C-alpha atoms as a PDB file:
ATOM      1  CA  UNK A   1       4.282   4.984 -13.754  1.00  0.00           C
ATOM      2  CA  UNK A   2       0.616   4.345 -13.158  1.00  0.00           C
ATOM      3  CA  UNK A   3       0.271   2.818 -16.601  1.00  0.00           C
ATOM      4  CA  UNK A   4       3.239   0.471 -15.907  1.00  0.00           C
ATOM      5  CA  UNK A   5       1.371  -0.768 -12.807  1.00  0.00           C
ATOM      6  CA  UNK A   6      -1.975  -1.141 -14.591  1.00  0.00           C
ATOM      7  CA  UNK A   7      -0.501  -2.955 -17.634  1.00  0.00           C
ATOM      8  CA  UNK A   8       1.336  -5.311 -15.296  1.00  0.00           C
ATOM      9  CA  UNK A   9      -1.767  -6.069 -13.180  1.00  0.00           C
ATOM     10  CA  UNK A  10      -4.217  -6.589 -16.280  1.00  0.00           C
ATOM     11  CA  UNK A  11      -1.615  -8.740 -17.906  1.00  0.00           C
ATOM     12  CA  UNK A  12      -1.995 -11.296 -15.108  1.00  0.00           C
ATOM     13  CA  UNK A  13      -4.948 -13.468 -14.101  1.00  0.00           C
ATOM     14  CA  UNK A  14      -7.359 -12.027 -11.576  1.00  0.00           C
ATOM     15  CA  UNK A  15      -6.332 -12.993  -8.022  1.00  0.00           C
ATOM     16  CA  UNK A  16      -9.161 -11.612  -5.895  1.00  0.00           C
ATOM     17  CA  UNK A  17     -12.482 -13.375  -6.227  1.00  0.00           C
ATOM     18  CA  UNK A  18     -13.682 -14.545  -9.640  1.00  0.00           C
ATOM     19  CA  UNK A  19     -12.480 -11.599 -11.690  1.00  0.00           C
ATOM     20  CA  UNK A  20     -10.646  -8.961  -9.493  1.00  0.00           C
ATOM     21  CA  UNK A  21      -7.137  -7.670  -9.535  1.00  0.00           C
ATOM     22  CA  UNK A  22      -5.594  -6.434  -6.330  1.00  0.00           C
ATOM     23  CA  UNK A  23      -2.713  -3.855  -6.462  1.00  0.00           C
ATOM     24  CA  UNK A  24      -0.957  -3.192  -3.163  1.00  0.00           C
ATOM     25  CA  UNK A  25       1.241  -0.085  -2.875  1.00  0.00           C
ATOM     26  CA  UNK A  26       3.536  -0.137   0.206  1.00  0.00           C
ATOM     27  CA  UNK A  27       6.598   1.707   1.423  1.00  0.00           C
ATOM     28  CA  UNK A  28       7.521   4.063   4.154  1.00  0.00           C
ATOM     29  CA  UNK A  29       5.495   7.106   5.138  1.00  0.00           C
ATOM     30  CA  UNK A  30       5.686  10.107   2.793  1.00  0.00           C
ATOM     31  CA  UNK A  31       7.209   8.095  -0.127  1.00  0.00           C
ATOM     32  CA  UNK A  32       4.484   9.009  -2.513  1.00  0.00           C
ATOM     33  CA  UNK A  33       2.065   5.882  -2.246  1.00  0.00           C
ATOM     34  CA  UNK A  34      -1.158   7.997  -2.135  1.00  0.00           C
ATOM     35  CA  UNK A  35      -0.143   9.971  -5.108  1.00  0.00           C
ATOM     36  CA  UNK A  36       0.549   6.722  -7.067  1.00  0.00           C
ATOM     37  CA  UNK A  37      -2.651   5.096  -5.942  1.00  0.00           C
ATOM     38  CA  UNK A  38      -4.678   8.114  -7.090  1.00  0.00           C
ATOM     39  CA  UNK A  39      -2.863   8.039 -10.550  1.00  0.00           C
ATOM     40  CA  UNK A  40      -3.637   4.376 -10.946  1.00  0.00           C
ATOM     41  CA  UNK A  41      -7.292   4.888 -10.146  1.00  0.00           C
ATOM     42  CA  UNK A  42      -7.438   7.810 -12.522  1.00  0.00           C
ATOM     43  CA  UNK A  43      -5.753   5.953 -15.380  1.00  0.00           C
ATOM     44  CA  UNK A  44      -7.779   2.715 -14.923  1.00  0.00           C
ATOM     45  CA  UNK A  45     -10.360   1.838 -17.566  1.00  0.00           C
ATOM     46  CA  UNK A  46     -12.274  -0.446 -15.197  1.00  0.00           C
ATOM     47  CA  UNK A  47     -14.171   0.377 -11.901  1.00  0.00           C
ATOM     48  CA  UNK A  48     -11.581   0.914  -9.283  1.00  0.00           C
ATOM     49  CA  UNK A  49     -11.654   1.332  -5.563  1.00  0.00           C
ATOM     50  CA  UNK A  50      -8.837   2.701  -3.514  1.00  0.00           C
ATOM     51  CA  UNK A  51      -8.617   1.753   0.225  1.00  0.00           C
ATOM     52  CA  UNK A  52      -6.230   3.822   2.221  1.00  0.00           C
ATOM     53  CA  UNK A  53      -4.687   2.179   5.273  1.00  0.00           C
ATOM     54  CA  UNK A  54      -4.492   5.531   7.000  1.00  0.00           C
ATOM     55  CA  UNK A  55      -8.235   5.134   7.411  1.00  0.00           C
ATOM     56  CA  UNK A  56      -7.850   1.608   8.987  1.00  0.00           C
ATOM     57  CA  UNK A  57      -4.993   1.926  11.528  1.00  0.00           C
ATOM     58  CA  UNK A  58      -6.474   1.956  14.977  1.00  0.00           C
ATOM     59  CA  UNK A  59      -4.218   4.704  16.161  1.00  0.00           C
ATOM     60  CA  UNK A  60      -0.488   5.416  16.063  1.00  0.00           C
ATOM     61  CA  UNK A  61       0.184   1.833  17.488  1.00  0.00           C
ATOM     62  CA  UNK A  62      -2.061   0.248  15.054  1.00  0.00           C
ATOM     63  CA  UNK A  63       0.426  -1.074  12.482  1.00  0.00           C
ATOM     64  CA  UNK A  64       0.843  -4.632  14.100  1.00  0.00           C
ATOM     65  CA  UNK A  65      -2.779  -5.295  13.498  1.00  0.00           C
ATOM     66  CA  UNK A  66      -2.763  -4.540   9.847  1.00  0.00           C
ATOM     67  CA  UNK A  67      -2.361  -8.149   8.608  1.00  0.00           C
ATOM     68  CA  UNK A  68      -5.386  -9.241  10.584  1.00  0.00           C
ATOM     69  CA  UNK A  69      -7.421  -6.178   9.345  1.00  0.00           C
ATOM     70  CA  UNK A  70      -6.490  -6.816   5.677  1.00  0.00           C
ATOM     71  CA  UNK A  71      -7.280 -10.520   5.879  1.00  0.00           C
ATOM     72  CA  UNK A  72     -10.782  -9.680   7.366  1.00  0.00           C
ATOM     73  CA  UNK A  73     -11.220  -7.056   4.548  1.00  0.00           C
ATOM     74  CA  UNK A  74     -10.237  -9.305   1.671  1.00  0.00           C
ATOM     75  CA  UNK A  75     -11.758 -12.618   2.747  1.00  0.00           C
ATOM     76  CA  UNK A  76     -15.430 -11.647   1.802  1.00  0.00           C
ATOM     77  CA  UNK A  77     -14.166  -9.938  -1.433  1.00  0.00           C
ATOM     78  CA  UNK A  78     -12.323 -13.067  -2.424  1.00  0.00           C
ATOM     79  CA  UNK A  79     -15.713 -14.783  -2.246  1.00  0.00           C
ATOM     80  CA  UNK A  80     -17.194 -11.992  -4.472  1.00  0.00           C
ATOM     81  CA  UNK A  81     -19.088 -10.619  -1.453  1.00  0.00           C
ATOM     82  CA  UNK A  82     -19.175  -7.001  -0.054  1.00  0.00           C
ATOM     83  CA  UNK A  83     -16.866  -6.398   2.921  1.00  0.00           C
ATOM     84  CA  UNK A  84     -16.242  -3.554   5.338  1.00  0.00           C
ATOM     85  CA  UNK A  85     -13.695  -2.034   7.665  1.00  0.00           C
ATOM     86  CA  UNK A  86     -13.859   0.526  10.529  1.00  0.00           C
ATOM     87  CA  UNK A  87     -12.582   3.954   9.702  1.00  0.00           C
ATOM     88  CA  UNK A  88     -10.462   5.412  12.486  1.00  0.00           C
ATOM     89  CA  UNK A  89     -11.290   8.890  13.533  1.00  0.00           C
ATOM     90  CA  UNK A  90      -7.939  10.461  14.162  1.00  0.00           C
ATOM     91  CA  UNK A  91      -9.433  13.711  15.598  1.00  0.00           C
ATOM     92  CA  UNK A  92     -11.428  11.861  18.081  1.00  0.00           C
ATOM     93  CA  UNK A  93      -8.733   9.230  18.714  1.00  0.00           C
ATOM     94  CA  UNK A  94     -11.282   6.459  18.448  1.00  0.00           C
ATOM     95  CA  UNK A  95     -12.974   4.087  16.038  1.00  0.00           C
ATOM     96  CA  UNK A  96     -15.438   5.728  13.729  1.00  0.00           C
ATOM     97  CA  UNK A  97     -17.976   4.600  11.233  1.00  0.00           C
ATOM     98  CA  UNK A  98     -18.009   1.305   9.281  1.00  0.00           C
ATOM     99  CA  UNK A  99     -17.130   1.584   5.560  1.00  0.00           C
ATOM    100  CA  UNK A 100     -18.498  -0.822   2.996  1.00  0.00           C
ATOM    101  CA  UNK A 101     -16.159  -2.107   0.191  1.00  0.00           C
ATOM    102  CA  UNK A 102     -18.022  -3.716  -2.678  1.00  0.00           C
ATOM    103  CA  UNK A 103     -16.319  -6.131  -5.141  1.00  0.00           C
ATOM    104  CA  UNK A 104     -14.737  -4.189  -8.060  1.00  0.00           C
ATOM    105  CA  UNK A 105     -12.581  -5.307 -11.004  1.00  0.00           C
ATOM    106  CA  UNK A 106      -9.582  -3.379  -9.452  1.00  0.00           C
ATOM    107  CA  UNK A 107      -9.033  -2.877  -5.797  1.00  0.00           C
ATOM    108  CA  UNK A 108      -5.909  -0.730  -4.779  1.00  0.00           C
ATOM    109  CA  UNK A 109      -4.612  -0.949  -1.237  1.00  0.00           C
ATOM    110  CA  UNK A 110      -2.354   2.004  -0.320  1.00  0.00           C
ATOM    111  CA  UNK A 111      -0.413   2.542   2.817  1.00  0.00           C
ATOM    112  CA  UNK A 112       2.295   1.142   5.089  1.00  0.00           C
ATOM    113  CA  UNK A 113       1.521  -2.533   5.392  1.00  0.00           C
ATOM    114  CA  UNK A 114      -0.490  -2.896   2.285  1.00  0.00           C
ATOM    115  CA  UNK A 115       1.936  -5.563   1.135  1.00  0.00           C
ATOM    116  CA  UNK A 116       1.781  -7.768   4.088  1.00  0.00           C
ATOM    117  CA  UNK A 117       2.895 -11.279   3.297  1.00  0.00           C
ATOM    118  CA  UNK A 118      -0.333 -12.880   4.568  1.00  0.00           C
ATOM    119  CA  UNK A 119      -2.431 -11.465   1.652  1.00  0.00           C
ATOM    120  CA  UNK A 120       0.276 -12.323  -1.037  1.00  0.00           C
ATOM    121  CA  UNK A 121      -1.853 -15.134  -2.513  1.00  0.00           C
ATOM    122  CA  UNK A 122      -4.643 -12.525  -3.285  1.00  0.00           C
ATOM    123  CA  UNK A 123      -2.223  -9.922  -4.545  1.00  0.00           C
ATOM    124  CA  UNK A 124      -1.838  -9.274  -8.224  1.00  0.00           C
ATOM    125  CA  UNK A 125       0.973  -6.668  -8.138  1.00  0.00           C
ATOM    126  CA  UNK A 126       2.900  -5.446  -5.178  1.00  0.00           C
ATOM    127  CA  UNK A 127       4.477  -2.022  -5.647  1.00  0.00           C
ATOM    128  CA  UNK A 128       7.252  -0.732  -3.348  1.00  0.00           C
ATOM    129  CA  UNK A 129       7.548   3.192  -3.222  1.00  0.00           C
ATOM    130  CA  UNK A 130      10.471   4.835  -1.463  1.00  0.00           C
ATOM    131  CA  UNK A 131      12.143   8.191  -1.065  1.00  0.00           C
ATOM    132  CA  UNK A 132      14.879   9.811   1.182  1.00  0.00           C
ATOM    133  CA  UNK A 133      14.086  10.067   4.776  1.00  0.00           C
ATOM    134  CA  UNK A 134      14.101  13.838   5.144  1.00  0.00           C
ATOM    135  CA  UNK A 135      11.926  14.378   2.090  1.00  0.00           C
ATOM    136  CA  UNK A 136       9.497  11.860   3.446  1.00  0.00           C
ATOM    137  CA  UNK A 137       9.313  13.367   6.861  1.00  0.00           C
ATOM    138  CA  UNK A 138       8.605  16.867   5.311  1.00  0.00           C
ATOM    139  CA  UNK A 139       5.889  15.378   3.174  1.00  0.00           C
ATOM    140  CA  UNK A 140       4.332  13.654   6.200  1.00  0.00           C
ATOM    141  CA  UNK A 141       4.252  16.954   8.195  1.00  0.00           C
ATOM    142  CA  UNK A 142       2.956  18.909   5.315  1.00  0.00           C
ATOM    143  CA  UNK A 143       0.162  16.257   4.794  1.00  0.00           C
ATOM    144  CA  UNK A 144      -0.830  15.554   8.420  1.00  0.00           C
ATOM    145  CA  UNK A 145       0.175  18.851  10.117  1.00  0.00           C
ATOM    146  CA  UNK A 146       2.231  19.190  13.357  1.00  0.00           C
ATOM    147  CA  UNK A 147       0.152  16.407  14.819  1.00  0.00           C
ATOM    148  CA  UNK A 148       2.424  13.933  12.954  1.00  0.00           C
ATOM    149  CA  UNK A 149       5.798  15.329  14.129  1.00  0.00           C
ATOM    150  CA  UNK A 150       5.764  13.877  17.714  1.00  0.00           C
ATOM    151  CA  UNK A 151       4.969  10.425  16.365  1.00  0.00           C
ATOM    152  CA  UNK A 152       7.471  10.358  13.417  1.00  0.00           C
ATOM    153  CA  UNK A 153      10.283   8.550  15.197  1.00  0.00           C
ATOM    154  CA  UNK A 154       8.152   5.816  16.836  1.00  0.00           C
ATOM    155  CA  UNK A 155       6.217   5.308  13.587  1.00  0.00           C
ATOM    156  CA  UNK A 156       9.356   5.130  11.496  1.00  0.00           C
ATOM    157  CA  UNK A 157      10.629   2.457  13.846  1.00  0.00           C
ATOM    158  CA  UNK A 158       7.501   0.470  13.751  1.00  0.00           C
ATOM    159  CA  UNK A 159       7.329   0.501   9.952  1.00  0.00           C
ATOM    160  CA  UNK A 160      10.989  -0.527   9.614  1.00  0.00           C
ATOM    161  CA  UNK A 161      10.469  -3.370  11.936  1.00  0.00           C
ATOM    162  CA  UNK A 162       7.327  -4.390   9.891  1.00  0.00           C
ATOM    163  CA  UNK A 163       9.122  -4.261   6.623  1.00  0.00           C
ATOM    164  CA  UNK A 164      11.937  -6.254   7.782  1.00  0.00           C
ATOM    165  CA  UNK A 165       9.652  -8.822   9.281  1.00  0.00           C
ATOM    166  CA  UNK A 166       7.533  -9.024   6.160  1.00  0.00           C
ATOM    167  CA  UNK A 167      10.303  -8.707   3.563  1.00  0.00           C
ATOM    168  CA  UNK A 168       8.021  -6.375   1.686  1.00  0.00           C
ATOM    169  CA  UNK A 169      10.583  -4.755  -0.605  1.00  0.00           C
ATOM    170  CA  UNK A 170      12.108  -8.023  -1.600  1.00  0.00           C
ATOM    171  CA  UNK A 171       8.702  -9.362  -2.655  1.00  0.00           C
ATOM    172  CA  UNK A 172       7.780  -6.278  -4.759  1.00  0.00           C
ATOM    173  CA  UNK A 173       6.904  -6.527  -8.420  1.00  0.00           C
ATOM    174  CA  UNK A 174       7.580  -2.908  -9.124  1.00  0.00           C
ATOM    175  CA  UNK A 175      10.008  -0.562  -7.472  1.00  0.00           C
ATOM    176  CA  UNK A 176       9.200   3.227  -7.596  1.00  0.00           C
ATOM    177  CA  UNK A 177      11.439   6.123  -6.687  1.00  0.00           C
ATOM    178  CA  UNK A 178       9.140   8.513  -4.847  1.00  0.00           C
ATOM    179  CA  UNK A 179      11.233  11.461  -5.967  1.00  0.00           C
ATOM    180  CA  UNK A 180      10.386  10.840  -9.615  1.00  0.00           C
ATOM    181  CA  UNK A 181      14.048  11.133 -10.623  1.00  0.00           C
ATOM    182  CA  UNK A 182      14.500   7.308 -11.427  1.00  0.00           C
ATOM    183  CA  UNK A 183      12.092   5.511 -13.770  1.00  0.00           C
ATOM    184  CA  UNK A 184      10.063   2.737 -12.083  1.00  0.00           C
ATOM    185  CA  UNK A 185      11.339  -0.762 -12.575  1.00  0.00           C
ATOM    186  CA  UNK A 186       9.558  -4.059 -12.970  1.00  0.00           C
ATOM    187  CA  UNK A 187      11.205  -6.828 -11.056  1.00  0.00           C
ATOM    188  CA  UNK A 188      10.975 -10.280 -12.457  1.00  0.00           C
ATOM    189  CA  UNK A 189      10.766 -13.373 -10.208  1.00  0.00           C
ATOM    190  CA  UNK A 190      14.251 -14.423  -9.250  1.00  0.00           C
ATOM    191  CA  UNK A 191      15.902 -11.121 -10.296  1.00  0.00           C
ATOM    192  CA  UNK A 192      19.278 -10.491  -9.036  1.00  0.00           C
ATOM    193  CA  UNK A 193      19.832  -8.415  -5.905  1.00  0.00           C
ATOM    194  CA  UNK A 194      21.369  -5.710  -7.965  1.00  0.00           C
ATOM    195  CA  UNK A 195      18.075  -5.185  -9.871  1.00  0.00           C
ATOM    196  CA  UNK A 196      16.171  -5.028  -6.692  1.00  0.00           C
ATOM    197  CA  UNK A 197      18.358  -2.302  -5.606  1.00  0.00           C
ATOM    198  CA  UNK A 198      17.074   0.006  -8.275  1.00  0.00           C
ATOM    199  CA  UNK A 199      15.506   2.109  -5.661  1.00  0.00           C
ATOM    200  CA  UNK A 200      18.202   2.634  -2.943  1.00  0.00           C
ATOM    201  CA  UNK A 201      17.472   2.255   0.766  1.00  0.00           C
ATOM    202  CA  UNK A 202      17.628   5.561   2.654  1.00  0.00           C
END
């Protein structure tokens, strides 16, 4: 799966700065985006940086601000200059330290909103990861603890609204079943709707 994503990205011209590829891994919470991002970074033969949007959201209502944040993050990198973002301190419930992101050959953005349409011109490969709702919810609670449970419904509603507005799944280059039971599928431009349905909506 990671190799498919890497091979697709490196087969395309760089889209970020003079020589950088940008892989965006999006999909609903608990689908398996972080696992895939780690696998891509581990399999990569070039210097790779993973930026997790969980570190960028400014709280549980931070999703609507992601397009602005990603634009601000990527704009300097597209000029081959270092950039930064403010890491959110979830325990304190407040912004934390600034994190520097230097230009690298491969940048992986991972998290809900990573595939926002505004950064499409800079995106080399957009990956959509999905899994059944109950499995995603269980993974989310196992990952984040009981603090996630009270926010699940509101967050799920916010991400569904975001995906519908952004048309994220419909723009994806690769569809991934987060259960691992269905092989990932590359979607060619102009593919039929039936092909885009390779990973069912849940």
